[in-house]
Amino acid sequence: MGQIQEAAGAFKEAVRLDPQDAAANYSLGVTLQKLGSHTEAAAALKRATELQKDWAEAFHFLGIAYDNLGDHENSLAAAKEAARLKPNDVVILIGLGYALRANGKYGSNRTLAARCANAA
C-alpha cells in the first residue's frame, strides 16, 4: 500500500493547492477508496461531482463509496446519475445493478440486464 498512500498524499496536496480541481478531488477519492477510507473518499468524490456535474465516472465511484459506508439510498442516487450521464456504459450499468439490489429493487435488474446486453 505504500505507493497508494504516496498517491493519496500527492492528491491531498493537489486538492489543498486547488480545491476547485475536479480531477484532483476525483483522484483523491478513488485513491482513498482503495485505502479503505470510505468517508473521506465519499467527501472527495462528492466534491468532484459538485465541481463537474456531468462526470459519470465520479458519480459511479461516489456510489461505490456510499455503498461501502452502508448508505444504500445515496449509493443508488449516485448510480442512477452515473447511468443517466452514460446510459450505454456497461461498467456504470453494473454499478447501478448492485445499487438497485442493495436497495431491494430486484425487478429493475431485468431491464438493466437487457440494457447491458444491448450496450455490450
PDB file of N, CA and C in Angstrom:
ATOM      1  N   MET A   1       0.811  -1.198   0.000  1.00  0.00           N
ATOM      2  CA  MET A   1       0.000   0.000   0.000  1.00  0.00           C
ATOM      3  C   MET A   1       0.854   1.262   0.000  1.00  0.00           C
ATOM      4  N   GLY A   2       2.132   1.169   0.052  1.00  0.00           N
ATOM      5  CA  GLY A   2       2.995   2.327   0.120  1.00  0.00           C
ATOM      6  C   GLY A   2       2.797   3.301  -1.026  1.00  0.00           C
ATOM      7  N   GLN A   3       2.725   2.788  -2.261  1.00  0.00           N
ATOM      8  CA  GLN A   3       2.557   3.674  -3.411  1.00  0.00           C
ATOM      9  C   GLN A   3       1.184   4.329  -3.410  1.00  0.00           C
ATOM     10  N   ILE A   4       0.172   3.596  -2.974  1.00  0.00           N
ATOM     11  CA  ILE A   4      -1.180   4.156  -2.927  1.00  0.00           C
ATOM     12  C   ILE A   4      -1.241   5.260  -1.871  1.00  0.00           C
ATOM     13  N   GLN A   5      -0.590   5.046  -0.736  1.00  0.00           N
ATOM     14  CA  GLN A   5      -0.550   6.084   0.299  1.00  0.00           C
ATOM     15  C   GLN A   5       0.201   7.319  -0.192  1.00  0.00           C
ATOM     16  N   GLU A   6       1.268   7.102  -0.918  1.00  0.00           N
ATOM     17  CA  GLU A   6       2.011   8.228  -1.502  1.00  0.00           C
ATOM     18  C   GLU A   6       1.134   8.987  -2.484  1.00  0.00           C
ATOM     19  N   ALA A   7       0.396   8.249  -3.300  1.00  0.00           N
ATOM     20  CA  ALA A   7      -0.502   8.888  -4.267  1.00  0.00           C
ATOM     21  C   ALA A   7      -1.572   9.695  -3.534  1.00  0.00           C
ATOM     22  N   ALA A   8      -2.130   9.123  -2.465  1.00  0.00           N
ATOM     23  CA  ALA A   8      -3.143   9.848  -1.693  1.00  0.00           C
ATOM     24  C   ALA A   8      -2.572  11.147  -1.136  1.00  0.00           C
ATOM     25  N   GLY A   9      -1.357  11.088  -0.646  1.00  0.00           N
ATOM     26  CA  GLY A   9      -0.704  12.294  -0.148  1.00  0.00           C
ATOM     27  C   GLY A   9      -0.530  13.343  -1.225  1.00  0.00           C
ATOM     28  N   ALA A  10      -0.139  12.906  -2.409  1.00  0.00           N
ATOM     29  CA  ALA A  10       0.045  13.837  -3.529  1.00  0.00           C
ATOM     30  C   ALA A  10      -1.293  14.449  -3.956  1.00  0.00           C
ATOM     31  N   PHE A  11      -2.346  13.633  -3.991  1.00  0.00           N
ATOM     32  CA  PHE A  11      -3.656  14.161  -4.381  1.00  0.00           C
ATOM     33  C   PHE A  11      -4.217  15.091  -3.304  1.00  0.00           C
ATOM     34  N   LYS A  12      -3.962  14.785  -2.026  1.00  0.00           N
ATOM     35  CA  LYS A  12      -4.383  15.701  -0.952  1.00  0.00           C
ATOM     36  C   LYS A  12      -3.707  17.052  -1.118  1.00  0.00           C
ATOM     37  N   GLU A  13      -2.433  17.034  -1.469  1.00  0.00           N
ATOM     38  CA  GLU A  13      -1.705  18.280  -1.685  1.00  0.00           C
ATOM     39  C   GLU A  13      -2.270  19.024  -2.901  1.00  0.00           C
ATOM     40  N   ALA A  14      -2.607  18.289  -3.945  1.00  0.00           N
ATOM     41  CA  ALA A  14      -3.184  18.919  -5.141  1.00  0.00           C
ATOM     42  C   ALA A  14      -4.521  19.577  -4.805  1.00  0.00           C
ATOM     43  N   VAL A  15      -5.328  18.912  -3.988  1.00  0.00           N
ATOM     44  CA  VAL A  15      -6.619  19.481  -3.587  1.00  0.00           C
ATOM     45  C   VAL A  15      -6.397  20.690  -2.686  1.00  0.00           C
ATOM     46  N   ARG A  16      -5.394  20.622  -1.825  1.00  0.00           N
ATOM     47  CA  ARG A  16      -5.096  21.752  -0.947  1.00  0.00           C
ATOM     48  C   ARG A  16      -4.697  22.975  -1.774  1.00  0.00           C
ATOM     49  N   LEU A  17      -3.904  22.733  -2.806  1.00  0.00           N
ATOM     50  CA  LEU A  17      -3.451  23.828  -3.663  1.00  0.00           C
ATOM     51  C   LEU A  17      -4.574  24.394  -4.539  1.00  0.00           C
ATOM     52  N   ASP A  18      -5.488  23.523  -4.963  1.00  0.00           N
ATOM     53  CA  ASP A  18      -6.600  23.970  -5.805  1.00  0.00           C
ATOM     54  C   ASP A  18      -7.852  23.151  -5.476  1.00  0.00           C
ATOM     55  N   PRO A  19      -8.599  23.573  -4.449  1.00  0.00           N
ATOM     56  CA  PRO A  19      -9.801  22.839  -4.050  1.00  0.00           C
ATOM     57  C   PRO A  19     -10.868  22.762  -5.143  1.00  0.00           C
ATOM     58  N   GLN A  20     -10.762  23.621  -6.163  1.00  0.00           N
ATOM     59  CA  GLN A  20     -11.742  23.639  -7.251  1.00  0.00           C
ATOM     60  C   GLN A  20     -11.380  22.690  -8.396  1.00  0.00           C
ATOM     61  N   ASP A  21     -10.314  21.924  -8.228  1.00  0.00           N
ATOM     62  CA  ASP A  21      -9.863  20.994  -9.265  1.00  0.00           C
ATOM     63  C   ASP A  21     -10.647  19.685  -9.141  1.00  0.00           C
ATOM     64  N   ALA A  22     -11.595  19.505 -10.045  1.00  0.00           N
ATOM     65  CA  ALA A  22     -12.445  18.307 -10.003  1.00  0.00           C
ATOM     66  C   ALA A  22     -11.619  17.032 -10.161  1.00  0.00           C
ATOM     67  N   ALA A  23     -10.636  17.044 -11.053  1.00  0.00           N
ATOM     68  CA  ALA A  23      -9.813  15.851 -11.297  1.00  0.00           C
ATOM     69  C   ALA A  23      -9.000  15.471 -10.070  1.00  0.00           C
ATOM     70  N   ALA A  24      -8.475  16.466  -9.351  1.00  0.00           N
ATOM     71  CA  ALA A  24      -7.709  16.179  -8.141  1.00  0.00           C
ATOM     72  C   ALA A  24      -8.621  15.585  -7.065  1.00  0.00           C
ATOM     73  N   ASN A  25      -9.832  16.130  -6.918  1.00  0.00           N
ATOM     74  CA  ASN A  25     -10.780  15.584  -5.943  1.00  0.00           C
ATOM     75  C   ASN A  25     -11.186  14.165  -6.308  1.00  0.00           C
ATOM     76  N   TYR A  26     -11.440  13.942  -7.588  1.00  0.00           N
ATOM     77  CA  TYR A  26     -11.800  12.607  -8.062  1.00  0.00           C
ATOM     78  C   TYR A  26     -10.672  11.607  -7.787  1.00  0.00           C
ATOM     79  N   SER A  27      -9.461  11.980  -8.171  1.00  0.00           N
ATOM     80  CA  SER A  27      -8.317  11.079  -7.978  1.00  0.00           C
ATOM     81  C   SER A  27      -8.078  10.804  -6.499  1.00  0.00           C
ATOM     82  N   LEU A  28      -8.245  11.823  -5.682  1.00  0.00           N
ATOM     83  CA  LEU A  28      -8.115  11.627  -4.237  1.00  0.00           C
ATOM     84  C   LEU A  28      -9.174  10.652  -3.746  1.00  0.00           C
ATOM     85  N   GLY A  29     -10.400  10.829  -4.190  1.00  0.00           N
ATOM     86  CA  GLY A  29     -11.486   9.946  -3.758  1.00  0.00           C
ATOM     87  C   GLY A  29     -11.261   8.497  -4.151  1.00  0.00           C
ATOM     88  N   VAL A  30     -10.862   8.280  -5.382  1.00  0.00           N
ATOM     89  CA  VAL A  30     -10.624   6.907  -5.849  1.00  0.00           C
ATOM     90  C   VAL A  30      -9.465   6.284  -5.070  1.00  0.00           C
ATOM     91  N   THR A  31      -8.435   7.053  -4.828  1.00  0.00           N
ATOM     92  CA  THR A  31      -7.272   6.553  -4.093  1.00  0.00           C
ATOM     93  C   THR A  31      -7.639   6.240  -2.641  1.00  0.00           C
ATOM     94  N   LEU A  32      -8.382   7.131  -2.006  1.00  0.00           N
ATOM     95  CA  LEU A  32      -8.806   6.884  -0.624  1.00  0.00           C
ATOM     96  C   LEU A  32      -9.703   5.649  -0.538  1.00  0.00           C
ATOM     97  N   GLN A  33     -10.504   5.454  -1.574  1.00  0.00           N
ATOM     98  CA  GLN A  33     -11.360   4.266  -1.626  1.00  0.00           C
ATOM     99  C   GLN A  33     -10.504   2.992  -1.574  1.00  0.00           C
ATOM    100  N   LYS A  34      -9.409   2.996  -2.326  1.00  0.00           N
ATOM    101  CA  LYS A  34      -8.504   1.834  -2.348  1.00  0.00           C
ATOM    102  C   LYS A  34      -7.853   1.610  -0.992  1.00  0.00           C
ATOM    103  N   LEU A  35      -7.690   2.687  -0.226  1.00  0.00           N
ATOM    104  CA  LEU A  35      -7.088   2.580   1.108  1.00  0.00           C
ATOM    105  C   LEU A  35      -8.127   2.228   2.177  1.00  0.00           C
ATOM    106  N   GLY A  36      -9.400   2.174   1.791  1.00  0.00           N
ATOM    107  CA  GLY A  36     -10.450   1.849   2.742  1.00  0.00           C
ATOM    108  C   GLY A  36     -10.951   3.038   3.549  1.00  0.00           C
ATOM    109  N   SER A  37     -10.572   4.233   3.152  1.00  0.00           N
ATOM    110  CA  SER A  37     -11.025   5.457   3.835  1.00  0.00           C
ATOM    111  C   SER A  37     -12.294   5.955   3.147  1.00  0.00           C
ATOM    112  N   HIS A  38     -13.388   5.230   3.364  1.00  0.00           N
ATOM    113  CA  HIS A  38     -14.604   5.450   2.592  1.00  0.00           C
ATOM    114  C   HIS A  38     -15.285   6.794   2.889  1.00  0.00           C
ATOM    115  N   THR A  39     -15.244   7.258   4.125  1.00  0.00           N
ATOM    116  CA  THR A  39     -15.866   8.539   4.450  1.00  0.00           C
ATOM    117  C   THR A  39     -15.146   9.670   3.738  1.00  0.00           C
ATOM    118  N   GLU A  40     -13.830   9.659   3.817  1.00  0.00           N
ATOM    119  CA  GLU A  40     -13.042  10.688   3.123  1.00  0.00           C
ATOM    120  C   GLU A  40     -13.189  10.556   1.607  1.00  0.00           C
ATOM    121  N   ALA A  41     -13.243   9.327   1.126  1.00  0.00           N
ATOM    122  CA  ALA A  41     -13.404   9.095  -0.309  1.00  0.00           C
ATOM    123  C   ALA A  41     -14.729   9.673  -0.783  1.00  0.00           C
ATOM    124  N   ALA A  42     -15.801   9.413  -0.034  1.00  0.00           N
ATOM    125  CA  ALA A  42     -17.113   9.932  -0.418  1.00  0.00           C
ATOM    126  C   ALA A  42     -17.107  11.456  -0.457  1.00  0.00           C
ATOM    127  N   ALA A  43     -16.462  12.079   0.515  1.00  0.00           N
ATOM    128  CA  ALA A  43     -16.409  13.545   0.547  1.00  0.00           C
ATOM    129  C   ALA A  43     -15.671  14.098  -0.677  1.00  0.00           C
ATOM    130  N   ALA A  44     -14.546  13.501  -1.018  1.00  0.00           N
ATOM    131  CA  ALA A  44     -13.761  13.969  -2.171  1.00  0.00           C
ATOM    132  C   ALA A  44     -14.524  13.736  -3.472  1.00  0.00           C
ATOM    133  N   LEU A  45     -15.167  12.577  -3.591  1.00  0.00           N
ATOM    134  CA  LEU A  45     -15.908  12.275  -4.808  1.00  0.00           C
ATOM    135  C   LEU A  45     -17.157  13.144  -4.928  1.00  0.00           C
ATOM    136  N   LYS A  46     -17.806  13.423  -3.818  1.00  0.00           N
ATOM    137  CA  LYS A  46     -18.961  14.325  -3.844  1.00  0.00           C
ATOM    138  C   LYS A  46     -18.523  15.703  -4.326  1.00  0.00           C
ATOM    139  N   ARG A  47     -17.389  16.149  -3.820  1.00  0.00           N
ATOM    140  CA  ARG A  47     -16.852  17.447  -4.249  1.00  0.00           C
ATOM    141  C   ARG A  47     -16.565  17.432  -5.752  1.00  0.00           C
ATOM    142  N   ALA A  48     -16.005  16.346  -6.249  1.00  0.00           N
ATOM    143  CA  ALA A  48     -15.734  16.238  -7.693  1.00  0.00           C
ATOM    144  C   ALA A  48     -17.028  16.341  -8.497  1.00  0.00           C
ATOM    145  N   THR A  49     -18.104  15.695  -8.019  1.00  0.00           N
ATOM    146  CA  THR A  49     -19.382  15.753  -8.747  1.00  0.00           C
ATOM    147  C   THR A  49     -20.016  17.132  -8.649  1.00  0.00           C
ATOM    148  N   GLU A  50     -19.749  17.852  -7.586  1.00  0.00           N
ATOM    149  CA  GLU A  50     -20.254  19.225  -7.467  1.00  0.00           C
ATOM    150  C   GLU A  50     -19.514  20.158  -8.417  1.00  0.00           C
ATOM    151  N   LEU A  51     -18.242  19.904  -8.593  1.00  0.00           N
ATOM    152  CA  LEU A  51     -17.420  20.742  -9.462  1.00  0.00           C
ATOM    153  C   LEU A  51     -17.630  20.433 -10.936  1.00  0.00           C
ATOM    154  N   GLN A  52     -17.915  19.173 -11.228  1.00  0.00           N
ATOM    155  CA  GLN A  52     -18.132  18.759 -12.618  1.00  0.00           C
ATOM    156  C   GLN A  52     -19.353  17.846 -12.650  1.00  0.00           C
ATOM    157  N   LYS A  53     -20.496  18.449 -12.844  1.00  0.00           N
ATOM    158  CA  LYS A  53     -21.779  17.764 -12.713  1.00  0.00           C
ATOM    159  C   LYS A  53     -22.089  16.744 -13.812  1.00  0.00           C
ATOM    160  N   ASP A  54     -21.263  16.682 -14.829  1.00  0.00           N
ATOM    161  CA  ASP A  54     -21.512  15.753 -15.932  1.00  0.00           C
ATOM    162  C   ASP A  54     -20.482  14.614 -15.989  1.00  0.00           C
ATOM    163  N   TRP A  55     -19.824  14.343 -14.879  1.00  0.00           N
ATOM    164  CA  TRP A  55     -18.768  13.334 -14.844  1.00  0.00           C
ATOM    165  C   TRP A  55     -19.333  12.010 -14.327  1.00  0.00           C
ATOM    166  N   ALA A  56     -19.732  11.163 -15.229  1.00  0.00           N
ATOM    167  CA  ALA A  56     -20.374   9.896 -14.876  1.00  0.00           C
ATOM    168  C   ALA A  56     -19.500   9.024 -13.989  1.00  0.00           C
ATOM    169  N   GLU A  57     -18.215   8.943 -14.296  1.00  0.00           N
ATOM    170  CA  GLU A  57     -17.325   8.077 -13.515  1.00  0.00           C
ATOM    171  C   GLU A  57     -17.209   8.553 -12.065  1.00  0.00           C
ATOM    172  N   ALA A  58     -17.239   9.863 -11.859  1.00  0.00           N
ATOM    173  CA  ALA A  58     -17.186  10.389 -10.490  1.00  0.00           C
ATOM    174  C   ALA A  58     -18.438   9.982  -9.725  1.00  0.00           C
ATOM    175  N   PHE A  59     -19.604  10.052 -10.376  1.00  0.00           N
ATOM    176  CA  PHE A  59     -20.837   9.604  -9.725  1.00  0.00           C
ATOM    177  C   PHE A  59     -20.798   8.100  -9.459  1.00  0.00           C
ATOM    178  N   HIS A  60     -20.242   7.354 -10.396  1.00  0.00           N
ATOM    179  CA  HIS A  60     -20.123   5.895 -10.236  1.00  0.00           C
ATOM    180  C   HIS A  60     -19.297   5.557  -8.979  1.00  0.00           C
ATOM    181  N   PHE A  61     -18.126   6.168  -8.861  1.00  0.00           N
ATOM    182  CA  PHE A  61     -17.284   5.881  -7.701  1.00  0.00           C
ATOM    183  C   PHE A  61     -17.868   6.460  -6.413  1.00  0.00           C
ATOM    184  N   LEU A  62     -18.603   7.564  -6.515  1.00  0.00           N
ATOM    185  CA  LEU A  62     -19.304   8.092  -5.347  1.00  0.00           C
ATOM    186  C   LEU A  62     -20.330   7.072  -4.857  1.00  0.00           C
ATOM    187  N   GLY A  63     -21.031   6.451  -5.786  1.00  0.00           N
ATOM    188  CA  GLY A  63     -21.986   5.404  -5.413  1.00  0.00           C
ATOM    189  C   GLY A  63     -21.317   4.241  -4.701  1.00  0.00           C
ATOM    190  N   ILE A  64     -20.153   3.860  -5.168  1.00  0.00           N
ATOM    191  CA  ILE A  64     -19.407   2.776  -4.519  1.00  0.00           C
ATOM    192  C   ILE A  64     -18.982   3.192  -3.113  1.00  0.00           C
ATOM    193  N   ALA A  65     -18.519   4.431  -2.969  1.00  0.00           N
ATOM    194  CA  ALA A  65     -18.109   4.920  -1.645  1.00  0.00           C
ATOM    195  C   ALA A  65     -19.293   4.898  -0.686  1.00  0.00           C
ATOM    196  N   TYR A  66     -20.441   5.385  -1.145  1.00  0.00           N
ATOM    197  CA  TYR A  66     -21.633   5.365  -0.291  1.00  0.00           C
ATOM    198  C   TYR A  66     -22.025   3.932   0.070  1.00  0.00           C
ATOM    199  N   ASP A  67     -21.939   3.039  -0.911  1.00  0.00           N
ATOM    200  CA  ASP A  67     -22.271   1.634  -0.636  1.00  0.00           C
ATOM    201  C   ASP A  67     -21.345   1.064   0.431  1.00  0.00           C
ATOM    202  N   ASN A  68     -20.063   1.365   0.340  1.00  0.00           N
ATOM    203  CA  ASN A  68     -19.109   0.881   1.341  1.00  0.00           C
ATOM    204  C   ASN A  68     -19.392   1.447   2.731  1.00  0.00           C
ATOM    205  N   LEU A  69     -20.055   2.601   2.771  1.00  0.00           N
ATOM    206  CA  LEU A  69     -20.440   3.197   4.060  1.00  0.00           C
ATOM    207  C   LEU A  69     -21.790   2.665   4.550  1.00  0.00           C
ATOM    208  N   GLY A  70     -22.442   1.851   3.726  1.00  0.00           N
ATOM    209  CA  GLY A  70     -23.757   1.330   4.090  1.00  0.00           C
ATOM    210  C   GLY A  70     -24.886   2.311   3.801  1.00  0.00           C
ATOM    211  N   ASP A  71     -24.588   3.374   3.065  1.00  0.00           N
ATOM    212  CA  ASP A  71     -25.573   4.389   2.708  1.00  0.00           C
ATOM    213  C   ASP A  71     -26.148   4.030   1.339  1.00  0.00           C
ATOM    214  N   HIS A  72     -27.053   3.045   1.331  1.00  0.00           N
ATOM    215  CA  HIS A  72     -27.547   2.499   0.076  1.00  0.00           C
ATOM    216  C   HIS A  72     -28.453   3.465  -0.681  1.00  0.00           C
ATOM    217  N   GLU A  73     -29.147   4.331   0.038  1.00  0.00           N
ATOM    218  CA  GLU A  73     -30.018   5.299  -0.630  1.00  0.00           C
ATOM    219  C   GLU A  73     -29.200   6.284  -1.472  1.00  0.00           C
ATOM    220  N   ASN A  74     -28.158   6.851  -0.883  1.00  0.00           N
ATOM    221  CA  ASN A  74     -27.298   7.772  -1.643  1.00  0.00           C
ATOM    222  C   ASN A  74     -26.481   7.036  -2.698  1.00  0.00           C
ATOM    223  N   SER A  75     -26.152   5.792  -2.418  1.00  0.00           N
ATOM    224  CA  SER A  75     -25.447   4.982  -3.410  1.00  0.00           C
ATOM    225  C   SER A  75     -26.302   4.828  -4.664  1.00  0.00           C
ATOM    226  N   LEU A  76     -27.569   4.536  -4.463  1.00  0.00           N
ATOM    227  CA  LEU A  76     -28.480   4.380  -5.598  1.00  0.00           C
ATOM    228  C   LEU A  76     -28.651   5.694  -6.354  1.00  0.00           C
ATOM    229  N   ALA A  77     -28.775   6.791  -5.633  1.00  0.00           N
ATOM    230  CA  ALA A  77     -28.929   8.097  -6.291  1.00  0.00           C
ATOM    231  C   ALA A  77     -27.708   8.413  -7.158  1.00  0.00           C
ATOM    232  N   ALA A  78     -26.523   8.153  -6.632  1.00  0.00           N
ATOM    233  CA  ALA A  78     -25.295   8.412  -7.401  1.00  0.00           C
ATOM    234  C   ALA A  78     -25.209   7.480  -8.610  1.00  0.00           C
ATOM    235  N   ALA A  79     -25.551   6.213  -8.423  1.00  0.00           N
ATOM    236  CA  ALA A  79     -25.501   5.248  -9.524  1.00  0.00           C
ATOM    237  C   ALA A  79     -26.497   5.614 -10.620  1.00  0.00           C
ATOM    238  N   LYS A  80     -27.677   6.078 -10.224  1.00  0.00           N
ATOM    239  CA  LYS A  80     -28.670   6.496 -11.213  1.00  0.00           C
ATOM    240  C   LYS A  80     -28.167   7.692 -12.023  1.00  0.00           C
ATOM    241  N   GLU A  81     -27.526   8.629 -11.342  1.00  0.00           N
ATOM    242  CA  GLU A  81     -26.999   9.791 -12.048  1.00  0.00           C
ATOM    243  C   GLU A  81     -25.889   9.379 -13.013  1.00  0.00           C
ATOM    244  N   ALA A  82     -25.029   8.474 -12.588  1.00  0.00           N
ATOM    245  CA  ALA A  82     -23.976   7.981 -13.482  1.00  0.00           C
ATOM    246  C   ALA A  82     -24.584   7.339 -14.725  1.00  0.00           C
ATOM    247  N   ALA A  83     -25.616   6.523 -14.522  1.00  0.00           N
ATOM    248  CA  ALA A  83     -26.268   5.849 -15.650  1.00  0.00           C
ATOM    249  C   ALA A  83     -27.032   6.836 -16.536  1.00  0.00           C
ATOM    250  N   ARG A  84     -27.565   7.892 -15.950  1.00  0.00           N
ATOM    251  CA  ARG A  84     -28.238   8.920 -16.753  1.00  0.00           C
ATOM    252  C   ARG A  84     -27.220   9.610 -17.669  1.00  0.00           C
ATOM    253  N   LEU A  85     -26.030   9.847 -17.118  1.00  0.00           N
ATOM    254  CA  LEU A  85     -24.995  10.537 -17.878  1.00  0.00           C
ATOM    255  C   LEU A  85     -24.354   9.647 -18.945  1.00  0.00           C
ATOM    256  N   LYS A  86     -24.235   8.360 -18.646  1.00  0.00           N
ATOM    257  CA  LYS A  86     -23.625   7.417 -19.605  1.00  0.00           C
ATOM    258  C   LYS A  86     -24.506   6.171 -19.674  1.00  0.00           C
ATOM    259  N   PRO A  87     -25.626   6.278 -20.381  1.00  0.00           N
ATOM    260  CA  PRO A  87     -26.607   5.184 -20.374  1.00  0.00           C
ATOM    261  C   PRO A  87     -26.165   3.895 -21.054  1.00  0.00           C
ATOM    262  N   ASN A  88     -25.078   3.921 -21.805  1.00  0.00           N
ATOM    263  CA  ASN A  88     -24.614   2.722 -22.501  1.00  0.00           C
ATOM    264  C   ASN A  88     -23.286   2.196 -21.986  1.00  0.00           C
ATOM    265  N   ASP A  89     -22.845   2.674 -20.835  1.00  0.00           N
ATOM    266  CA  ASP A  89     -21.577   2.225 -20.244  1.00  0.00           C
ATOM    267  C   ASP A  89     -21.860   1.008 -19.368  1.00  0.00           C
ATOM    268  N   VAL A  90     -21.373  -0.144 -19.787  1.00  0.00           N
ATOM    269  CA  VAL A  90     -21.680  -1.396 -19.104  1.00  0.00           C
ATOM    270  C   VAL A  90     -21.195  -1.388 -17.652  1.00  0.00           C
ATOM    271  N   VAL A  91     -20.005  -0.868 -17.382  1.00  0.00           N
ATOM    272  CA  VAL A  91     -19.484  -0.836 -16.014  1.00  0.00           C
ATOM    273  C   VAL A  91     -20.400   0.008 -15.123  1.00  0.00           C
ATOM    274  N   ILE A  92     -20.821   1.146 -15.641  1.00  0.00           N
ATOM    275  CA  ILE A  92     -21.721   2.008 -14.872  1.00  0.00           C
ATOM    276  C   ILE A  92     -23.069   1.334 -14.674  1.00  0.00           C
ATOM    277  N   LEU A  93     -23.559   0.642 -15.684  1.00  0.00           N
ATOM    278  CA  LEU A  93     -24.838  -0.070 -15.551  1.00  0.00           C
ATOM    279  C   LEU A  93     -24.736  -1.207 -14.538  1.00  0.00           C
ATOM    280  N   ILE A  94     -23.603  -1.876 -14.492  1.00  0.00           N
ATOM    281  CA  ILE A  94     -23.410  -2.929 -13.485  1.00  0.00           C
ATOM    282  C   ILE A  94     -23.415  -2.312 -12.092  1.00  0.00           C
ATOM    283  N   GLY A  95     -22.773  -1.153 -11.941  1.00  0.00           N
ATOM    284  CA  GLY A  95     -22.813  -0.446 -10.655  1.00  0.00           C
ATOM    285  C   GLY A  95     -24.234  -0.105 -10.254  1.00  0.00           C
ATOM    286  N   LEU A  96     -25.032   0.323 -11.216  1.00  0.00           N
ATOM    287  CA  LEU A  96     -26.438   0.612 -10.944  1.00  0.00           C
ATOM    288  C   LEU A  96     -27.160  -0.656 -10.507  1.00  0.00           C
ATOM    289  N   GLY A  97     -26.842  -1.770 -11.137  1.00  0.00           N
ATOM    290  CA  GLY A  97     -27.456  -3.041 -10.748  1.00  0.00           C
ATOM    291  C   GLY A  97     -27.158  -3.410  -9.306  1.00  0.00           C
ATOM    292  N   TYR A  98     -25.916  -3.242  -8.881  1.00  0.00           N
ATOM    293  CA  TYR A  98     -25.551  -3.510  -7.488  1.00  0.00           C
ATOM    294  C   TYR A  98     -26.315  -2.597  -6.544  1.00  0.00           C
ATOM    295  N   ALA A  99     -26.416  -1.317  -6.912  1.00  0.00           N
ATOM    296  CA  ALA A  99     -27.119  -0.359  -6.057  1.00  0.00           C
ATOM    297  C   ALA A  99     -28.600  -0.688  -5.978  1.00  0.00           C
ATOM    298  N   LEU A 100     -29.192  -1.082  -7.088  1.00  0.00           N
ATOM    299  CA  LEU A 100     -30.605  -1.482  -7.076  1.00  0.00           C
ATOM    300  C   LEU A 100     -30.807  -2.695  -6.165  1.00  0.00           C
ATOM    301  N   ARG A 101     -29.924  -3.665  -6.291  1.00  0.00           N
ATOM    302  CA  ARG A 101     -30.028  -4.867  -5.460  1.00  0.00           C
ATOM    303  C   ARG A 101     -29.892  -4.525  -3.984  1.00  0.00           C
ATOM    304  N   ALA A 102     -28.949  -3.656  -3.637  1.00  0.00           N
ATOM    305  CA  ALA A 102     -28.746  -3.266  -2.240  1.00  0.00           C
ATOM    306  C   ALA A 102     -29.964  -2.559  -1.667  1.00  0.00           C
ATOM    307  N   ASN A 103     -30.775  -1.961  -2.554  1.00  0.00           N
ATOM    308  CA  ASN A 103     -31.989  -1.276  -2.126  1.00  0.00           C
ATOM    309  C   ASN A 103     -33.230  -2.153  -2.281  1.00  0.00           C
ATOM    310  N   GLY A 104     -33.025  -3.437  -2.580  1.00  0.00           N
ATOM    311  CA  GLY A 104     -34.137  -4.378  -2.675  1.00  0.00           C
ATOM    312  C   GLY A 104     -34.980  -4.222  -3.929  1.00  0.00           C
ATOM    313  N   LYS A 105     -34.447  -3.604  -4.951  1.00  0.00           N
ATOM    314  CA  LYS A 105     -35.197  -3.373  -6.192  1.00  0.00           C
ATOM    315  C   LYS A 105     -34.747  -4.382  -7.245  1.00  0.00           C
ATOM    316  N   TYR A 106     -35.101  -5.641  -6.996  1.00  0.00           N
ATOM    317  CA  TYR A 106     -34.614  -6.722  -7.856  1.00  0.00           C
ATOM    318  C   TYR A 106     -35.250  -6.716  -9.240  1.00  0.00           C
ATOM    319  N   GLY A 107     -36.518  -6.334  -9.331  1.00  0.00           N
ATOM    320  CA  GLY A 107     -37.216  -6.351 -10.611  1.00  0.00           C
ATOM    321  C   GLY A 107     -36.576  -5.429 -11.636  1.00  0.00           C
ATOM    322  N   SER A 108     -36.016  -4.336 -11.172  1.00  0.00           N
ATOM    323  CA  SER A 108     -35.388  -3.369 -12.081  1.00  0.00           C
ATOM    324  C   SER A 108     -34.177  -3.965 -12.784  1.00  0.00           C
ATOM    325  N   ASN A 109     -33.605  -5.011 -12.208  1.00  0.00           N
ATOM    326  CA  ASN A 109     -32.385  -5.578 -12.780  1.00  0.00           C
ATOM    327  C   ASN A 109     -32.633  -6.324 -14.085  1.00  0.00           C
ATOM    328  N   ARG A 110     -33.847  -6.767 -14.336  1.00  0.00           N
ATOM    329  CA  ARG A 110     -34.130  -7.432 -15.614  1.00  0.00           C
ATOM    330  C   ARG A 110     -33.976  -6.446 -16.764  1.00  0.00           C
ATOM    331  N   THR A 111     -34.561  -5.282 -16.597  1.00  0.00           N
ATOM    332  CA  THR A 111     -34.438  -4.247 -17.619  1.00  0.00           C
ATOM    333  C   THR A 111     -32.990  -3.820 -17.765  1.00  0.00           C
ATOM    334  N   LEU A 112     -32.315  -3.711 -16.639  1.00  0.00           N
ATOM    335  CA  LEU A 112     -30.925  -3.311 -16.653  1.00  0.00           C
ATOM    336  C   LEU A 112     -30.058  -4.348 -17.370  1.00  0.00           C
ATOM    337  N   ALA A 113     -30.340  -5.624 -17.159  1.00  0.00           N
ATOM    338  CA  ALA A 113     -29.573  -6.677 -17.823  1.00  0.00           C
ATOM    339  C   ALA A 113     -29.743  -6.565 -19.352  1.00  0.00           C
ATOM    340  N   ALA A 114     -30.938  -6.235 -19.785  1.00  0.00           N
ATOM    341  CA  ALA A 114     -31.174  -6.051 -21.225  1.00  0.00           C
ATOM    342  C   ALA A 114     -30.389  -4.848 -21.743  1.00  0.00           C
ATOM    343  N   ARG A 115     -30.342  -3.770 -20.953  1.00  0.00           N
ATOM    344  CA  ARG A 115     -29.568  -2.593 -21.365  1.00  0.00           C
ATOM    345  C   ARG A 115     -28.080  -2.935 -21.473  1.00  0.00           C
ATOM    346  N   CYS A 116     -27.580  -3.732 -20.524  1.00  0.00           N
ATOM    347  CA  CYS A 116     -26.172  -4.141 -20.576  1.00  0.00           C
ATOM    348  C   CYS A 116     -25.891  -4.964 -21.814  1.00  0.00           C
ATOM    349  N   ALA A 117     -26.800  -5.881 -22.116  1.00  0.00           N
ATOM    350  CA  ALA A 117     -26.611  -6.742 -23.288  1.00  0.00           C
ATOM    351  C   ALA A 117     -26.608  -5.910 -24.564  1.00  0.00           C
ATOM    352  N   ASN A 118     -27.466  -4.919 -24.619  1.00  0.00           N
ATOM    353  CA  ASN A 118     -27.517  -4.057 -25.811  1.00  0.00           C
ATOM    354  C   ASN A 118     -26.311  -3.158 -25.913  1.00  0.00           C
ATOM    355  N   ALA A 119     -25.756  -2.774 -24.779  1.00  0.00           N
ATOM    356  CA  ALA A 119     -24.604  -1.862 -24.772  1.00  0.00           C
ATOM    357  C   ALA A 119     -23.308  -2.582 -25.097  1.00  0.00           C
ATOM    358  N   ALA A 120     -23.254  -3.869 -24.805  1.00  0.00           N
ATOM    359  CA  ALA A 120     -22.015  -4.635 -24.973  1.00  0.00           C
ATOM    360  C   ALA A 120     -21.693  -4.902 -26.427  1.00  0.00           C
TER     361      ALA A 120
END
